[in-house]
Amino acid sequence: MARSTWMVRDELWEPVAPLLPEHSPDPRGGRPRVDDRVCFNAIVFVLFTGIAWRHLPAEMGCSPATAHRRLAEWQSAGVWERLHRELLRGLNAAGRIDWSTSVVDGNHIRAPLGAPHRALSGRPCSHRLKAPSDHRRERDSARDKSDRRAAQRRHGATAVDRRGRPRRRQARTSPQACRARACRSWL
């Protein structure tokens, strides 16, 4: 096993090791698999430091592609969910979690049916958070479309699309362009 300058402590590795799926060697042979602990060190290093996968140091003993592949493999096997559950169970048993203050984040709680895009009308909240009534939403979306079309009519060839690019090439003011325009009008 390659030695890394940055190692996950044994106290964290002990609950992780039994959760990892068993991997049997490929019968066709090939390069030996990188040790799970080395990959776990690399994954935790990237997550802890916030660096990009491609910047993972070679001293970690694992290539960035291998670490990322193993992260995805363990995610699909449910390792991270089970690890989270085990760590919470252990910390709760030791009395290290204060359940009186907790946060529910939308990234962790599923909303399979979704939610309205804005606050509900008539609820007590500031004027910025109140959702407009349905007829106002329809009117606003229609007005946005008509305003864009009106701007295109007003500015003619130089009307700007929402992405900021001109819809048509602007006329040249060079002498060649003037002659070309005169020839076109003559035809």
C-alpha atoms as a PDB file:
ATOM      1  CA  MET A   1       0.000   0.000   0.000  1.00  0.00           C
ATOM      2  CA  ALA A   2       1.312   3.428  -0.902  1.00  0.00           C
ATOM      3  CA  ARG A   3       1.903   5.737   2.033  1.00  0.00           C
ATOM      4  CA  SER A   4       0.279   9.120   2.024  1.00  0.00           C
ATOM      5  CA  THR A   5       1.309  12.216   3.922  1.00  0.00           C
ATOM      6  CA  TRP A   6      -2.355  12.821   4.731  1.00  0.00           C
ATOM      7  CA  MET A   7      -4.059   9.838   6.340  1.00  0.00           C
ATOM      8  CA  VAL A   8      -7.535   9.342   7.720  1.00  0.00           C
ATOM      9  CA  ARG A   9      -7.335   8.299  11.352  1.00  0.00           C
ATOM     10  CA  ASP A  10      -8.071   4.721  12.354  1.00  0.00           C
ATOM     11  CA  GLU A  11     -11.095   5.889  14.381  1.00  0.00           C
ATOM     12  CA  LEU A  12     -12.787   6.946  11.146  1.00  0.00           C
ATOM     13  CA  TRP A  13     -11.549   4.010   9.058  1.00  0.00           C
ATOM     14  CA  GLU A  14     -12.828   1.342  11.472  1.00  0.00           C
ATOM     15  CA  PRO A  15     -16.552   2.017  10.875  1.00  0.00           C
ATOM     16  CA  VAL A  16     -15.971   2.489   7.131  1.00  0.00           C
ATOM     17  CA  ALA A  17     -14.116  -0.759   6.364  1.00  0.00           C
ATOM     18  CA  PRO A  18     -17.007  -3.196   7.022  1.00  0.00           C
ATOM     19  CA  LEU A  19     -19.402  -1.073   4.929  1.00  0.00           C
ATOM     20  CA  LEU A  20     -17.352  -1.288   1.734  1.00  0.00           C
ATOM     21  CA  PRO A  21     -18.407  -3.905  -0.818  1.00  0.00           C
ATOM     22  CA  GLU A  22     -16.151  -6.901  -1.332  1.00  0.00           C
ATOM     23  CA  HIS A  23     -14.257  -6.963  -4.583  1.00  0.00           C
ATOM     24  CA  SER A  24     -12.892 -10.144  -6.095  1.00  0.00           C
ATOM     25  CA  PRO A  25      -9.915  -9.925  -8.456  1.00  0.00           C
ATOM     26  CA  ASP A  26     -10.617 -10.042 -12.161  1.00  0.00           C
ATOM     27  CA  PRO A  27     -10.064 -13.589 -13.466  1.00  0.00           C
ATOM     28  CA  ARG A  28      -8.489 -12.165 -16.629  1.00  0.00           C
ATOM     29  CA  GLY A  29      -5.700 -10.628 -14.546  1.00  0.00           C
ATOM     30  CA  GLY A  30      -4.471  -7.101 -14.966  1.00  0.00           C
ATOM     31  CA  ARG A  31      -3.278  -4.369 -12.697  1.00  0.00           C
ATOM     32  CA  PRO A  32      -4.054  -4.944  -9.008  1.00  0.00           C
ATOM     33  CA  ARG A  33      -6.841  -2.852  -7.498  1.00  0.00           C
ATOM     34  CA  VAL A  34      -5.829   0.180  -5.429  1.00  0.00           C
ATOM     35  CA  ASP A  35      -6.411  -0.445  -1.730  1.00  0.00           C
ATOM     36  CA  ASP A  36      -9.770   0.786  -0.425  1.00  0.00           C
ATOM     37  CA  ARG A  37      -8.159   2.753   2.397  1.00  0.00           C
ATOM     38  CA  VAL A  38      -5.906   4.625  -0.048  1.00  0.00           C
ATOM     39  CA  CYS A  39      -8.940   5.523  -2.170  1.00  0.00           C
ATOM     40  CA  PHE A  40     -10.903   6.533   0.923  1.00  0.00           C
ATOM     41  CA  ASN A  41      -7.997   8.795   1.962  1.00  0.00           C
ATOM     42  CA  ALA A  42      -7.977  10.403  -1.487  1.00  0.00           C
ATOM     43  CA  ILE A  43     -11.761  10.901  -1.503  1.00  0.00           C
ATOM     44  CA  VAL A  44     -11.798  12.449   1.966  1.00  0.00           C
ATOM     45  CA  PHE A  45      -8.812  14.633   1.035  1.00  0.00           C
ATOM     46  CA  VAL A  46     -10.638  16.027  -2.019  1.00  0.00           C
ATOM     47  CA  LEU A  47     -13.857  16.559  -0.077  1.00  0.00           C
ATOM     48  CA  PHE A  48     -12.060  18.111   2.895  1.00  0.00           C
ATOM     49  CA  THR A  49      -9.789  20.480   0.961  1.00  0.00           C
ATOM     50  CA  GLY A  50     -12.267  21.301  -1.818  1.00  0.00           C
ATOM     51  CA  ILE A  51      -9.710  20.879  -4.601  1.00  0.00           C
ATOM     52  CA  ALA A  52     -10.661  19.668  -8.058  1.00  0.00           C
ATOM     53  CA  TRP A  53     -10.251  15.967  -8.707  1.00  0.00           C
ATOM     54  CA  ARG A  54      -7.584  16.646 -11.307  1.00  0.00           C
ATOM     55  CA  HIS A  55      -5.460  18.400  -8.669  1.00  0.00           C
ATOM     56  CA  LEU A  56      -5.290  15.356  -6.401  1.00  0.00           C
ATOM     57  CA  PRO A  57      -1.600  14.953  -5.493  1.00  0.00           C
ATOM     58  CA  ALA A  58       0.191  11.823  -6.655  1.00  0.00           C
ATOM     59  CA  GLU A  59       1.462  11.371  -3.071  1.00  0.00           C
ATOM     60  CA  MET A  60      -2.030  10.206  -2.126  1.00  0.00           C
ATOM     61  CA  GLY A  61      -1.247   6.899  -3.855  1.00  0.00           C
ATOM     62  CA  CYS A  62      -4.346   7.013  -6.032  1.00  0.00           C
ATOM     63  CA  SER A  63      -5.044   8.665  -9.369  1.00  0.00           C
ATOM     64  CA  PRO A  64      -7.872  11.198  -9.572  1.00  0.00           C
ATOM     65  CA  ALA A  65      -9.792   8.963 -12.003  1.00  0.00           C
ATOM     66  CA  THR A  66      -9.525   5.955  -9.690  1.00  0.00           C
ATOM     67  CA  ALA A  67     -10.630   7.966  -6.644  1.00  0.00           C
ATOM     68  CA  HIS A  68     -13.593   9.447  -8.498  1.00  0.00           C
ATOM     69  CA  ARG A  69     -14.573   6.069  -9.950  1.00  0.00           C
ATOM     70  CA  ARG A  70     -14.441   4.487  -6.495  1.00  0.00           C
ATOM     71  CA  LEU A  71     -16.526   7.358  -5.063  1.00  0.00           C
ATOM     72  CA  ALA A  72     -19.216   6.703  -7.696  1.00  0.00           C
ATOM     73  CA  GLU A  73     -19.007   2.946  -7.129  1.00  0.00           C
ATOM     74  CA  TRP A  74     -19.459   3.329  -3.388  1.00  0.00           C
ATOM     75  CA  GLN A  75     -22.263   5.838  -3.892  1.00  0.00           C
ATOM     76  CA  SER A  76     -24.203   3.396  -6.068  1.00  0.00           C
ATOM     77  CA  ALA A  77     -23.585   0.643  -3.473  1.00  0.00           C
ATOM     78  CA  GLY A  78     -25.084   2.867  -0.733  1.00  0.00           C
ATOM     79  CA  VAL A  79     -21.872   3.053   1.318  1.00  0.00           C
ATOM     80  CA  TRP A  80     -22.165   6.766   2.118  1.00  0.00           C
ATOM     81  CA  GLU A  81     -25.751   6.498   3.376  1.00  0.00           C
ATOM     82  CA  ARG A  82     -24.865   3.561   5.605  1.00  0.00           C
ATOM     83  CA  LEU A  83     -21.738   5.364   6.863  1.00  0.00           C
ATOM     84  CA  HIS A  84     -23.791   8.448   7.704  1.00  0.00           C
ATOM     85  CA  ARG A  85     -26.313   6.315   9.584  1.00  0.00           C
ATOM     86  CA  GLU A  86     -23.549   4.488  11.501  1.00  0.00           C
ATOM     87  CA  LEU A  87     -21.758   7.696  12.457  1.00  0.00           C
ATOM     88  CA  LEU A  88     -25.010   9.265  13.655  1.00  0.00           C
ATOM     89  CA  ARG A  89     -25.847   6.145  15.641  1.00  0.00           C
ATOM     90  CA  GLY A  90     -22.403   6.100  17.283  1.00  0.00           C
ATOM     91  CA  LEU A  91     -22.384   9.811  18.074  1.00  0.00           C
ATOM     92  CA  ASN A  92     -25.914   9.650  19.461  1.00  0.00           C
ATOM     93  CA  ALA A  93     -25.010   6.672  21.687  1.00  0.00           C
ATOM     94  CA  ALA A  94     -22.038   8.650  23.012  1.00  0.00           C
ATOM     95  CA  GLY A  95     -24.272  11.683  23.685  1.00  0.00           C
ATOM     96  CA  ARG A  96     -22.300  13.886  21.289  1.00  0.00           C
ATOM     97  CA  ILE A  97     -25.312  15.104  19.255  1.00  0.00           C
ATOM     98  CA  ASP A  98     -27.516  17.926  20.486  1.00  0.00           C
ATOM     99  CA  TRP A  99     -30.892  17.181  18.895  1.00  0.00           C
ATOM    100  CA  SER A 100     -32.466  20.380  20.283  1.00  0.00           C
ATOM    101  CA  THR A 101     -30.970  22.333  17.379  1.00  0.00           C
ATOM    102  CA  SER A 102     -31.051  20.750  13.956  1.00  0.00           C
ATOM    103  CA  VAL A 103     -31.290  21.968  10.398  1.00  0.00           C
ATOM    104  CA  VAL A 104     -33.273  20.477   7.562  1.00  0.00           C
ATOM    105  CA  ASP A 105     -31.727  21.300   4.227  1.00  0.00           C
ATOM    106  CA  GLY A 106     -33.433  20.876   0.890  1.00  0.00           C
ATOM    107  CA  ASN A 107     -30.425  18.989  -0.437  1.00  0.00           C
ATOM    108  CA  HIS A 108     -30.996  16.193   2.065  1.00  0.00           C
ATOM    109  CA  ILE A 109     -34.795  15.920   2.097  1.00  0.00           C
ATOM    110  CA  ARG A 110     -36.541  14.603  -1.007  1.00  0.00           C
ATOM    111  CA  ALA A 111     -39.531  16.427  -2.433  1.00  0.00           C
ATOM    112  CA  PRO A 112     -40.817  13.928  -5.017  1.00  0.00           C
ATOM    113  CA  LEU A 113     -43.850  15.990  -5.981  1.00  0.00           C
ATOM    114  CA  GLY A 114     -41.987  19.290  -5.969  1.00  0.00           C
ATOM    115  CA  ALA A 115     -43.179  22.546  -4.520  1.00  0.00           C
ATOM    116  CA  PRO A 116     -44.524  25.832  -5.870  1.00  0.00           C
ATOM    117  CA  HIS A 117     -41.869  28.119  -7.256  1.00  0.00           C
ATOM    118  CA  ARG A 118     -42.852  31.019  -5.024  1.00  0.00           C
ATOM    119  CA  ALA A 119     -44.515  31.640  -1.701  1.00  0.00           C
ATOM    120  CA  LEU A 120     -48.269  31.157  -1.590  1.00  0.00           C
ATOM    121  CA  SER A 121     -50.471  34.195  -2.086  1.00  0.00           C
ATOM    122  CA  GLY A 122     -52.169  35.601   0.978  1.00  0.00           C
ATOM    123  CA  ARG A 123     -49.612  34.273   3.463  1.00  0.00           C
ATOM    124  CA  PRO A 124     -48.072  36.753   5.897  1.00  0.00           C
ATOM    125  CA  CYS A 125     -44.676  37.584   4.422  1.00  0.00           C
ATOM    126  CA  SER A 126     -42.900  40.543   2.915  1.00  0.00           C
ATOM    127  CA  HIS A 127     -44.099  41.907  -0.405  1.00  0.00           C
ATOM    128  CA  ARG A 128     -41.047  40.498  -2.197  1.00  0.00           C
ATOM    129  CA  LEU A 129     -41.840  36.929  -1.184  1.00  0.00           C
ATOM    130  CA  LYS A 130     -45.517  36.965  -2.057  1.00  0.00           C
ATOM    131  CA  ALA A 131     -46.386  35.209  -5.267  1.00  0.00           C
ATOM    132  CA  PRO A 132     -48.524  37.106  -7.725  1.00  0.00           C
ATOM    133  CA  SER A 133     -51.978  35.745  -8.433  1.00  0.00           C
ATOM    134  CA  ASP A 134     -52.364  33.357 -11.363  1.00  0.00           C
ATOM    135  CA  HIS A 135     -53.846  35.916 -13.753  1.00  0.00           C
ATOM    136  CA  ARG A 136     -50.900  38.252 -13.054  1.00  0.00           C
ATOM    137  CA  ARG A 137     -48.376  35.490 -13.848  1.00  0.00           C
ATOM    138  CA  GLU A 138     -50.082  34.809 -17.182  1.00  0.00           C
ATOM    139  CA  ARG A 139     -50.194  38.523 -17.997  1.00  0.00           C
ATOM    140  CA  ASP A 140     -46.498  38.978 -17.115  1.00  0.00           C
ATOM    141  CA  SER A 141     -45.390  36.076 -19.296  1.00  0.00           C
ATOM    142  CA  ALA A 142     -47.471  37.396 -22.219  1.00  0.00           C
ATOM    143  CA  ARG A 143     -46.071  40.898 -21.710  1.00  0.00           C
ATOM    144  CA  ASP A 144     -42.489  39.600 -21.734  1.00  0.00           C
ATOM    145  CA  LYS A 145     -43.061  37.972 -25.125  1.00  0.00           C
ATOM    146  CA  SER A 146     -44.809  41.023 -26.579  1.00  0.00           C
ATOM    147  CA  ASP A 147     -42.120  43.386 -25.235  1.00  0.00           C
ATOM    148  CA  ARG A 148     -39.414  41.359 -26.928  1.00  0.00           C
ATOM    149  CA  ARG A 149     -41.300  41.411 -30.217  1.00  0.00           C
ATOM    150  CA  ALA A 150     -41.954  45.140 -29.889  1.00  0.00           C
ATOM    151  CA  ALA A 151     -38.261  45.787 -29.329  1.00  0.00           C
ATOM    152  CA  GLN A 152     -37.471  43.785 -32.452  1.00  0.00           C
ATOM    153  CA  ARG A 153     -39.937  45.849 -34.482  1.00  0.00           C
ATOM    154  CA  ARG A 154     -38.675  49.123 -32.987  1.00  0.00           C
ATOM    155  CA  HIS A 155     -35.004  48.485 -33.677  1.00  0.00           C
ATOM    156  CA  GLY A 156     -35.370  46.596 -36.916  1.00  0.00           C
ATOM    157  CA  ALA A 157     -32.234  44.800 -38.038  1.00  0.00           C
ATOM    158  CA  THR A 158     -30.289  45.528 -34.847  1.00  0.00           C
ATOM    159  CA  ALA A 159     -32.810  43.962 -32.462  1.00  0.00           C
ATOM    160  CA  VAL A 160     -30.953  42.014 -29.820  1.00  0.00           C
ATOM    161  CA  ASP A 161     -32.051  38.523 -28.859  1.00  0.00           C
ATOM    162  CA  ARG A 162     -32.209  37.596 -25.152  1.00  0.00           C
ATOM    163  CA  ARG A 163     -28.799  35.986 -25.436  1.00  0.00           C
ATOM    164  CA  GLY A 164     -27.303  39.315 -26.482  1.00  0.00           C
ATOM    165  CA  ARG A 165     -26.410  38.509 -30.082  1.00  0.00           C
ATOM    166  CA  PRO A 166     -27.646  40.640 -33.013  1.00  0.00           C
ATOM    167  CA  ARG A 167     -30.377  38.948 -35.011  1.00  0.00           C
ATOM    168  CA  ARG A 168     -28.918  40.137 -38.339  1.00  0.00           C
ATOM    169  CA  ARG A 169     -25.641  41.547 -39.459  1.00  0.00           C
ATOM    170  CA  GLN A 170     -25.557  45.310 -39.336  1.00  0.00           C
ATOM    171  CA  ALA A 171     -25.110  47.222 -42.559  1.00  0.00           C
ATOM    172  CA  ARG A 172     -21.551  48.236 -43.432  1.00  0.00           C
ATOM    173  CA  THR A 173     -20.765  51.881 -43.999  1.00  0.00           C
ATOM    174  CA  SER A 174     -17.751  51.310 -46.228  1.00  0.00           C
ATOM    175  CA  PRO A 175     -17.797  52.545 -49.831  1.00  0.00           C
ATOM    176  CA  GLN A 176     -18.041  48.974 -51.073  1.00  0.00           C
ATOM    177  CA  ALA A 177     -21.157  48.426 -48.957  1.00  0.00           C
ATOM    178  CA  CYS A 178     -22.717  51.621 -50.306  1.00  0.00           C
ATOM    179  CA  ARG A 179     -22.053  50.553 -53.892  1.00  0.00           C
ATOM    180  CA  ALA A 180     -23.435  47.077 -53.168  1.00  0.00           C
ATOM    181  CA  ARG A 181     -26.558  48.599 -51.649  1.00  0.00           C
ATOM    182  CA  ALA A 182     -27.002  50.848 -54.694  1.00  0.00           C
ATOM    183  CA  CYS A 183     -26.584  47.867 -57.044  1.00  0.00           C
ATOM    184  CA  ARG A 184     -29.115  45.850 -55.085  1.00  0.00           C
ATOM    185  CA  SER A 185     -31.663  48.637 -55.251  1.00  0.00           C
ATOM    186  CA  TRP A 186     -31.094  48.930 -58.996  1.00  0.00           C
ATOM    187  CA  LEU A 187     -31.773  45.201 -59.512  1.00  0.00           C
END
